[in-house]
């Protein structure tokens, strides 16, 4: 719905998948930690938890600062997460939704499928792939056993 003469921006969508060398329960829990999003979703600079299902995210995209509220819409343990953003009047023309599916793969591995729909524009498919690669590095670095010398 337009606000003060502004028109909603067109939505772009993309989907990507990656296999991570970690059990599905570990991967699901880590993706559920919204406060860690700045570690792998590069446009998010800070996330603050409001309650179990709502978070305020500070974003920097195309040289501009934005603030939005993330709302957890769906949680299916070790299977799927879905969220959306809404602006409460702060950034009325920018919206996003995300769905992440988790599938247990062979040898304690997990296949993640990430679907992102965004009005922010800017090569959504490239960003989805980048976020998945960043998440994989984050998880696998954490899961690597530490060797004492």
Protein backbone atom coordinates (compact mmCIF):
# COMPACT_ATOMS: atom_id res chain seq x y z
CA UNK A 1 0.00 0.00 0.00
CA UNK A 2 1.53 3.33 -1.06
CA UNK A 3 2.44 5.88 1.57
CA UNK A 4 2.48 9.65 0.88
CA UNK A 5 2.69 9.32 -2.88
CA UNK A 6 5.36 6.61 -3.00
CA UNK A 7 4.81 3.51 -5.06
CA UNK A 8 5.85 0.03 -3.96
CA UNK A 9 9.02 -1.14 -5.67
CA UNK A 10 8.91 -4.25 -7.88
CA UNK A 11 9.84 -7.47 -6.13
CA UNK A 12 12.80 -9.59 -7.29
CA UNK A 13 13.10 -13.24 -6.27
CA UNK A 14 15.86 -15.84 -6.27
CA UNK A 15 16.54 -19.30 -4.92
CA UNK A 16 19.79 -21.08 -4.17
CA UNK A 17 20.99 -24.27 -2.49
CA UNK A 18 24.20 -25.41 -0.83
CA UNK A 19 25.35 -28.49 1.09
CA UNK A 20 26.94 -27.87 4.48
CA UNK A 21 29.15 -30.28 6.36
CA UNK A 22 27.16 -30.24 9.61
CA UNK A 23 24.09 -32.03 11.00
CA UNK A 24 20.69 -30.57 10.15
CA UNK A 25 19.86 -29.70 13.79
CA UNK A 26 23.05 -27.61 14.14
CA UNK A 27 22.48 -25.83 10.83
CA UNK A 28 18.81 -25.10 11.66
CA UNK A 29 19.66 -23.68 15.09
CA UNK A 30 22.37 -21.45 13.65
CA UNK A 31 20.10 -20.03 10.93
CA UNK A 32 17.43 -19.44 13.58
CA UNK A 33 19.83 -17.13 15.46
CA UNK A 34 18.77 -13.84 13.83
CA UNK A 35 21.34 -11.94 15.87
CA UNK A 36 24.06 -13.74 13.85
CA UNK A 37 22.69 -12.62 10.46
CA UNK A 38 25.28 -9.82 10.07
CA UNK A 39 27.95 -12.55 10.02
CA UNK A 40 26.68 -13.93 6.71
CA UNK A 41 24.03 -11.59 5.26
CA UNK A 42 26.27 -8.69 4.37
CA UNK A 43 23.59 -5.99 4.01
CA UNK A 44 22.48 -6.54 7.62
CA UNK A 45 24.68 -4.59 10.01
CA UNK A 46 22.88 -5.17 13.32
CA UNK A 47 19.90 -7.16 14.63
CA UNK A 48 18.14 -6.53 17.92
CA UNK A 49 15.63 -9.00 19.34
CA UNK A 50 12.24 -7.58 20.36
CA UNK A 51 10.54 -10.85 21.32
CA UNK A 52 10.57 -14.50 20.23
CA UNK A 53 9.28 -13.67 16.74
CA UNK A 54 10.27 -10.04 16.08
CA UNK A 55 13.64 -8.39 15.46
CA UNK A 56 14.76 -4.95 14.35
CA UNK A 57 17.42 -5.05 11.64
CA UNK A 58 19.69 -2.21 10.55
CA UNK A 59 20.64 -2.57 6.89
CA UNK A 60 23.05 -0.80 4.59
CA UNK A 61 22.25 -1.23 0.94
CA UNK A 62 23.37 0.80 -2.09
CA UNK A 63 24.98 3.34 0.22
CA UNK A 64 21.80 3.99 2.22
CA UNK A 65 20.88 3.07 5.77
CA UNK A 66 17.54 1.33 6.45
CA UNK A 67 15.80 -0.07 9.49
CA UNK A 68 13.12 -2.72 9.29
CA UNK A 69 11.33 -5.20 11.50
CA UNK A 70 11.79 -8.91 10.79
CA UNK A 71 8.92 -11.17 11.76
CA UNK A 72 9.31 -14.94 12.06
CA UNK A 73 6.28 -16.38 10.25
CA UNK A 74 6.98 -20.12 10.38
CA UNK A 75 9.21 -22.51 12.29
CA UNK A 76 9.20 -26.22 11.58
CA UNK A 77 11.94 -27.79 13.71
CA UNK A 78 14.95 -28.84 11.60
CA UNK A 79 12.91 -28.43 8.39
CA UNK A 80 11.89 -24.86 7.52
CA UNK A 81 11.98 -21.21 8.58
CA UNK A 82 10.11 -18.30 7.00
CA UNK A 83 10.15 -14.59 7.77
CA UNK A 84 9.13 -11.26 6.34
CA UNK A 85 10.03 -7.66 6.89
CA UNK A 86 7.63 -4.85 7.53
CA UNK A 87 8.36 -1.21 7.95
CA UNK A 88 5.82 0.36 10.31
CA UNK A 89 6.18 3.49 8.19
CA UNK A 90 9.98 3.80 8.35
CA UNK A 91 10.83 2.33 4.92
CA UNK A 92 7.42 1.87 3.31
CA UNK A 93 8.59 0.89 -0.15
CA UNK A 94 11.13 -1.78 0.82
CA UNK A 95 9.96 -5.27 1.68
CA UNK A 96 11.50 -8.74 1.80
CA UNK A 97 10.52 -12.31 2.58
CA UNK A 98 12.71 -15.34 3.11
CA UNK A 99 12.19 -19.08 3.33
CA UNK A 100 14.93 -21.52 4.26
CA UNK A 101 14.46 -25.28 3.95
CA UNK A 102 16.77 -27.81 5.59
CA UNK A 103 17.20 -31.37 4.34
CA UNK A 104 19.31 -33.96 6.08
CA UNK A 105 21.91 -35.16 3.59
CA UNK A 106 24.26 -38.12 3.66
CA UNK A 107 27.10 -38.36 6.21
CA UNK A 108 25.72 -35.79 8.70
CA UNK A 109 25.49 -33.12 6.02
CA UNK A 110 22.65 -30.69 5.35
CA UNK A 111 21.25 -29.24 2.14
CA UNK A 112 19.90 -25.70 2.59
CA UNK A 113 17.57 -24.12 0.06
CA UNK A 114 17.15 -20.37 0.50
CA UNK A 115 14.43 -18.39 -1.27
CA UNK A 116 14.58 -14.60 -1.04
CA UNK A 117 12.09 -12.10 -2.40
CA UNK A 118 13.10 -8.46 -2.08
CA UNK A 119 12.12 -5.01 -3.28
CA UNK A 120 15.66 -3.73 -2.63
CA UNK A 121 16.78 -4.87 -6.09
CA UNK A 122 20.46 -5.30 -6.81
CA UNK A 123 21.09 -8.80 -8.16
CA UNK A 124 19.05 -10.87 -5.73
CA UNK A 125 20.32 -14.16 -7.21
CA UNK A 126 23.96 -13.14 -6.68
CA UNK A 127 23.19 -12.09 -3.10
CA UNK A 128 21.44 -15.39 -2.30
CA UNK A 129 24.49 -17.32 -3.52
CA UNK A 130 26.83 -15.05 -1.54
CA UNK A 131 24.80 -15.41 1.67
CA UNK A 132 24.74 -19.20 1.33
CA UNK A 133 28.52 -19.35 0.79
CA UNK A 134 29.09 -17.05 3.78
CA UNK A 135 26.82 -19.21 5.95
CA UNK A 136 28.61 -22.38 4.86
CA UNK A 137 31.99 -20.87 5.79
CA UNK A 138 30.63 -19.71 9.15
CA UNK A 139 29.18 -23.13 10.06
CA UNK A 140 32.04 -25.25 8.80
CA UNK A 141 34.68 -23.02 10.42
CA UNK A 142 32.84 -23.36 13.73
CA UNK A 143 32.45 -27.14 13.35
CA UNK A 144 36.14 -27.71 12.55
CA UNK A 145 37.90 -29.46 15.42
CA UNK A 146 40.59 -27.41 17.07
CA UNK A 147 44.01 -29.03 17.23
CA UNK A 148 46.09 -28.41 20.34
CA UNK A 149 49.82 -28.11 19.89
